[in-house]
């Protein structure tokens, strides 16, 4: 698992965990990205609603994506929640973990070319790149495009080798988010109003790096799918597209509402 310089996670962070022990009132899990720091998932944070048997939801050695609720370094205690992680966040984290693991592998390959191991790579450049770019994959992605982008924080040899290794491997990632809008209009031309609203929303929210599509589910429900090169951009475009469609329908005398996953 990719390493972090920080010893403890921050509150509200989304983390990958491994369930180690399940008991009637909750479960203990290690935080994979934080040197196996342990956290607790109370039964009330496992799933919404009443839980008759917690083992129907979590089991030992299961990988779970959690939200950090509370961190107490002095007591070495972390409170975690599974139920407070949205489906879109869970998909994003799972994809991000894969990208980070790939980036770490490229860092290891670069290190071998310089006669070093992964531990040395992290100490010499890995943690520094995380500090500058926020995560290892973003650093490697930037190095693939332009070695000068990392040259100010790593030495010339590392910059050259990282660029060489990354340039032949890294492809820009895409992120997909989905939401649902309720659009209704009882006017005689209501169907045309809604179609026009969705076309206008797509045209306004799309750009060369972002694609927006509306799909009919069943009146008055429509699915909005956005694919972009970052999760933040995809979320933003989804919000903009929905708002434009809703505003257009509302101005025509109809109603609209966004329901994100």
Protein backbone atom coordinates (compact mmCIF):
# COMPACT_ATOMS: atom_id res chain seq x y z
CA UNK A 1 0.00 0.00 0.00
CA UNK A 2 1.20 3.50 -0.84
CA UNK A 3 2.82 5.27 2.09
CA UNK A 4 1.99 8.62 3.62
CA UNK A 5 4.40 10.97 5.40
CA UNK A 6 1.60 11.92 7.82
CA UNK A 7 1.35 9.62 10.80
CA UNK A 8 -2.40 10.12 11.25
CA UNK A 9 -5.28 10.82 8.85
CA UNK A 10 -7.32 14.02 8.97
CA UNK A 11 -10.96 14.28 9.99
CA UNK A 12 -13.37 13.74 7.05
CA UNK A 13 -10.67 12.00 4.99
CA UNK A 14 -11.73 8.98 2.92
CA UNK A 15 -9.44 6.03 3.69
CA UNK A 16 -8.97 2.41 2.66
CA UNK A 17 -9.13 -0.01 5.60
CA UNK A 18 -8.82 -3.73 6.32
CA UNK A 19 -11.25 -5.21 8.86
CA UNK A 20 -9.28 -7.11 11.51
CA UNK A 21 -11.84 -8.00 14.18
CA UNK A 22 -15.64 -8.02 14.19
CA UNK A 23 -17.64 -8.02 17.42
CA UNK A 24 -21.37 -7.43 18.19
CA UNK A 25 -21.04 -3.66 18.66
CA UNK A 26 -18.65 -2.86 15.83
CA UNK A 27 -15.37 -3.71 14.18
CA UNK A 28 -11.70 -2.81 14.37
CA UNK A 29 -9.90 -2.04 11.11
CA UNK A 30 -6.40 -1.01 10.15
CA UNK A 31 -5.88 2.09 8.02
CA UNK A 32 -3.88 0.73 5.08
CA UNK A 33 -2.30 4.06 4.11
CA UNK A 34 -1.14 4.96 7.63
CA UNK A 35 1.30 2.26 8.66
CA UNK A 36 -1.55 0.04 9.84
CA UNK A 37 -2.93 2.49 12.39
CA UNK A 38 -6.11 1.01 13.83
CA UNK A 39 -9.58 2.53 13.96
CA UNK A 40 -12.98 1.50 15.22
CA UNK A 41 -16.22 1.32 13.23
CA UNK A 42 -19.17 1.42 15.64
CA UNK A 43 -22.16 -0.68 14.59
CA UNK A 44 -24.16 2.53 14.08
CA UNK A 45 -21.60 3.60 11.45
CA UNK A 46 -21.58 0.32 9.52
CA UNK A 47 -24.87 0.84 7.68
CA UNK A 48 -28.06 2.88 7.90
CA UNK A 49 -30.96 1.37 9.79
CA UNK A 50 -31.13 -1.43 12.33
CA UNK A 51 -28.50 -4.15 12.02
CA UNK A 52 -29.47 -7.58 13.31
CA UNK A 53 -26.18 -9.29 12.54
CA UNK A 54 -23.12 -7.13 11.90
CA UNK A 55 -21.41 -10.00 10.08
CA UNK A 56 -23.92 -9.60 7.29
CA UNK A 57 -22.17 -6.30 6.53
CA UNK A 58 -18.51 -6.69 7.49
CA UNK A 59 -16.13 -9.60 7.99
CA UNK A 60 -12.49 -10.16 8.92
CA UNK A 61 -9.93 -9.32 6.19
CA UNK A 62 -12.53 -7.41 4.16
CA UNK A 63 -11.38 -4.18 2.48
CA UNK A 64 -13.70 -1.29 3.32
CA UNK A 65 -13.63 2.40 2.42
CA UNK A 66 -14.36 4.64 5.39
CA UNK A 67 -14.71 8.27 6.36
CA UNK A 68 -12.60 9.46 9.30
CA UNK A 69 -14.87 10.88 12.01
CA UNK A 70 -12.43 11.56 14.84
CA UNK A 71 -8.69 11.27 15.48
CA UNK A 72 -7.05 11.20 18.92
CA UNK A 73 -3.28 10.64 18.51
CA UNK A 74 -2.69 10.68 22.28
CA UNK A 75 -5.06 7.78 22.81
CA UNK A 76 -4.05 6.29 19.45
CA UNK A 77 -7.73 6.14 18.55
CA UNK A 78 -9.55 6.75 15.26
CA UNK A 79 -13.33 6.62 14.73
CA UNK A 80 -14.42 5.46 11.28
CA UNK A 81 -17.67 5.25 9.33
CA UNK A 82 -18.67 3.11 6.37
CA UNK A 83 -22.22 4.40 5.99
CA UNK A 84 -21.16 8.04 5.65
CA UNK A 85 -19.19 7.36 2.47
CA UNK A 86 -21.21 8.17 -0.66
CA UNK A 87 -21.18 5.71 -3.55
CA UNK A 88 -19.40 8.28 -5.73
CA UNK A 89 -16.72 8.74 -3.05
CA UNK A 90 -16.30 4.99 -2.71
CA UNK A 91 -15.78 4.59 -6.46
CA UNK A 92 -13.40 7.55 -6.52
CA UNK A 93 -11.30 6.18 -3.64
CA UNK A 94 -11.09 2.69 -5.12
CA UNK A 95 -9.92 4.14 -8.44
CA UNK A 96 -7.50 6.48 -6.70
CA UNK A 97 -5.94 3.62 -4.74
CA UNK A 98 -5.25 1.77 -8.01
CA UNK A 99 -3.65 4.87 -9.52
CA UNK A 100 -1.52 5.43 -6.42
CA UNK A 101 -0.35 1.82 -6.41
CA UNK A 102 0.62 2.17 -10.06
CA UNK A 103 2.50 5.37 -9.29
CA UNK A 104 4.38 3.67 -6.47
CA UNK A 105 5.40 0.89 -8.85
CA UNK A 106 6.80 3.48 -11.26
CA UNK A 107 8.68 5.11 -8.38
CA UNK A 108 10.17 1.72 -7.53
CA UNK A 109 11.22 1.15 -11.17
CA UNK A 110 12.84 4.59 -11.27
CA UNK A 111 14.64 3.84 -8.02
CA UNK A 112 16.08 0.58 -9.40
CA UNK A 113 17.43 2.45 -12.41
CA UNK A 114 19.32 4.64 -9.95
CA UNK A 115 20.50 1.68 -7.86
CA UNK A 116 18.15 2.44 -4.96
CA UNK A 117 15.25 0.66 -3.26
CA UNK A 118 11.70 1.86 -2.57
CA UNK A 119 12.49 2.96 1.00
CA UNK A 120 15.23 5.25 -0.30
CA UNK A 121 12.94 6.49 -3.07
CA UNK A 122 10.31 7.61 -0.57
CA UNK A 123 12.85 9.31 1.67
CA UNK A 124 14.64 11.08 -1.18
CA UNK A 125 11.74 12.08 -3.44
CA UNK A 126 8.45 10.26 -2.71
CA UNK A 127 7.30 12.19 0.34
CA UNK A 128 8.56 15.46 -1.15
CA UNK A 129 6.51 14.90 -4.30
CA UNK A 130 3.45 14.06 -2.20
CA UNK A 131 3.90 17.34 -0.31
CA UNK A 132 4.03 19.35 -3.53
CA UNK A 133 1.36 17.60 -5.61
CA UNK A 134 -0.94 16.22 -2.93
CA UNK A 135 -0.44 12.58 -3.88
CA UNK A 136 2.09 10.39 -5.65
CA UNK A 137 0.05 9.79 -8.80
CA UNK A 138 -0.41 13.50 -9.50
CA UNK A 139 3.35 13.94 -9.19
CA UNK A 140 4.10 11.06 -11.57
CA UNK A 141 1.44 12.28 -14.00
CA UNK A 142 3.04 15.73 -14.02
CA UNK A 143 6.52 14.23 -14.46
CA UNK A 144 5.24 12.27 -17.49
CA UNK A 145 4.25 15.52 -19.20
CA UNK A 146 7.23 17.63 -18.22
CA UNK A 147 10.25 16.77 -16.09
CA UNK A 148 10.73 20.47 -15.26
CA UNK A 149 7.52 20.31 -13.22
CA UNK A 150 9.32 18.25 -10.55
CA UNK A 151 12.85 19.58 -11.04
CA UNK A 152 12.41 22.23 -8.35
CA UNK A 153 11.91 19.61 -5.61
CA UNK A 154 14.02 16.63 -6.76
CA UNK A 155 17.53 16.45 -8.14
CA UNK A 156 18.33 16.23 -11.85
CA UNK A 157 18.88 12.46 -11.90
CA UNK A 158 15.54 11.69 -10.24
CA UNK A 159 13.71 14.17 -12.49
CA UNK A 160 15.18 12.62 -15.63
CA UNK A 161 14.49 9.00 -14.67
CA UNK A 162 10.99 9.66 -13.32
CA UNK A 163 10.10 11.49 -16.52
CA UNK A 164 11.47 8.65 -18.65
CA UNK A 165 9.61 5.94 -16.73
CA UNK A 166 6.33 7.83 -16.38
CA UNK A 167 6.16 9.22 -19.94
CA UNK A 168 5.93 5.73 -21.43
CA UNK A 169 3.28 4.50 -18.99
CA UNK A 170 1.00 7.15 -17.51
CA UNK A 171 -2.31 7.90 -19.22
CA UNK A 172 -4.65 10.68 -18.03
CA UNK A 173 -7.36 9.15 -15.77
CA UNK A 174 -11.07 9.74 -16.16
CA UNK A 175 -13.67 10.00 -13.42
CA UNK A 176 -17.36 9.31 -13.78
CA UNK A 177 -20.07 10.72 -11.50
CA UNK A 178 -23.79 10.12 -11.73
CA UNK A 179 -26.80 12.00 -10.46
CA UNK A 180 -30.54 12.09 -11.05
CA UNK A 181 -32.79 15.04 -11.80
CA UNK A 182 -36.56 15.19 -11.60
CA UNK A 183 -37.88 17.41 -14.41
CA UNK A 184 -41.57 17.94 -15.02
CA UNK A 185 -43.60 20.43 -17.04
CA UNK A 186 -47.37 20.20 -17.53
CA UNK A 187 -47.53 22.74 -20.36
CA UNK A 188 -48.71 21.48 -23.79
CA UNK A 189 -45.09 21.69 -24.99
CA UNK A 190 -43.69 20.31 -21.74
CA UNK A 191 -41.76 17.48 -23.38
CA UNK A 192 -40.03 19.90 -25.73
CA UNK A 193 -39.23 22.21 -22.81
CA UNK A 194 -37.50 19.36 -20.97
CA UNK A 195 -35.61 18.16 -24.06
CA UNK A 196 -34.42 21.70 -24.76
CA UNK A 197 -33.37 22.12 -21.12
CA UNK A 198 -31.24 18.95 -21.21
CA UNK A 199 -29.62 19.86 -24.55
CA UNK A 200 -28.82 23.34 -23.24
CA UNK A 201 -27.39 21.87 -20.02
CA UNK A 202 -25.14 19.44 -21.91
CA UNK A 203 -23.84 22.12 -24.26
CA UNK A 204 -23.14 24.52 -21.41
CA UNK A 205 -21.38 22.03 -19.11
CA UNK A 206 -19.30 20.18 -21.73
CA UNK A 207 -15.75 21.08 -22.71
CA UNK A 208 -12.79 19.31 -24.34
CA UNK A 209 -12.02 17.43 -21.11
CA UNK A 210 -15.57 16.86 -19.86
CA UNK A 211 -18.52 14.95 -21.31
CA UNK A 212 -22.10 15.32 -20.04
CA UNK A 213 -25.06 13.14 -21.00
CA UNK A 214 -28.72 12.93 -19.89
CA UNK A 215 -30.65 9.63 -20.02
CA UNK A 216 -34.38 9.06 -19.68
CA UNK A 217 -35.22 6.72 -16.77
CA UNK A 218 -38.95 7.19 -16.39
CA UNK A 219 -40.86 10.44 -16.15
CA UNK A 220 -40.04 12.64 -14.33
CA UNK A 221 -36.66 11.00 -13.59
CA UNK A 222 -33.53 11.49 -15.72
CA UNK A 223 -29.98 10.26 -15.13
CA UNK A 224 -27.04 12.65 -15.57
CA UNK A 225 -23.61 11.13 -16.25
CA UNK A 226 -20.42 13.18 -16.34
CA UNK A 227 -16.95 11.96 -17.31
CA UNK A 228 -13.98 14.25 -16.64
CA UNK A 229 -10.24 14.10 -15.94
CA UNK A 230 -10.70 14.86 -12.24
CA UNK A 231 -13.33 13.96 -9.66
CA UNK A 232 -13.71 17.62 -8.67
CA UNK A 233 -14.27 18.69 -12.29
CA UNK A 234 -16.82 15.90 -12.82
CA UNK A 235 -18.73 16.86 -9.66
CA UNK A 236 -18.71 20.52 -10.67
CA UNK A 237 -19.95 19.80 -14.18
CA UNK A 238 -22.72 17.57 -12.83
CA UNK A 239 -23.87 20.35 -10.53
CA UNK A 240 -23.77 22.94 -13.33
CA UNK A 241 -25.62 20.75 -15.82
CA UNK A 242 -28.35 19.93 -13.32
CA UNK A 243 -28.75 23.56 -12.27
CA UNK A 244 -29.04 24.73 -15.89
CA UNK A 245 -31.64 22.08 -16.73
CA UNK A 246 -33.64 22.82 -13.59
CA UNK A 247 -33.53 26.60 -14.13
CA UNK A 248 -34.64 26.26 -17.76
CA UNK A 249 -37.60 24.04 -16.87
CA UNK A 250 -38.55 26.20 -13.88
CA UNK A 251 -38.57 29.38 -15.98
CA UNK A 252 -40.96 27.68 -18.38
CA UNK A 253 -43.36 26.92 -15.52
CA UNK A 254 -42.20 23.42 -14.65
CA UNK A 255 -40.37 21.90 -11.67
CA UNK A 256 -36.93 20.41 -11.14
CA UNK A 257 -34.82 18.82 -8.43
CA UNK A 258 -31.33 17.26 -8.27
CA UNK A 259 -30.74 13.97 -6.46
CA UNK A 260 -27.05 12.98 -6.38
CA UNK A 261 -25.93 9.46 -5.52
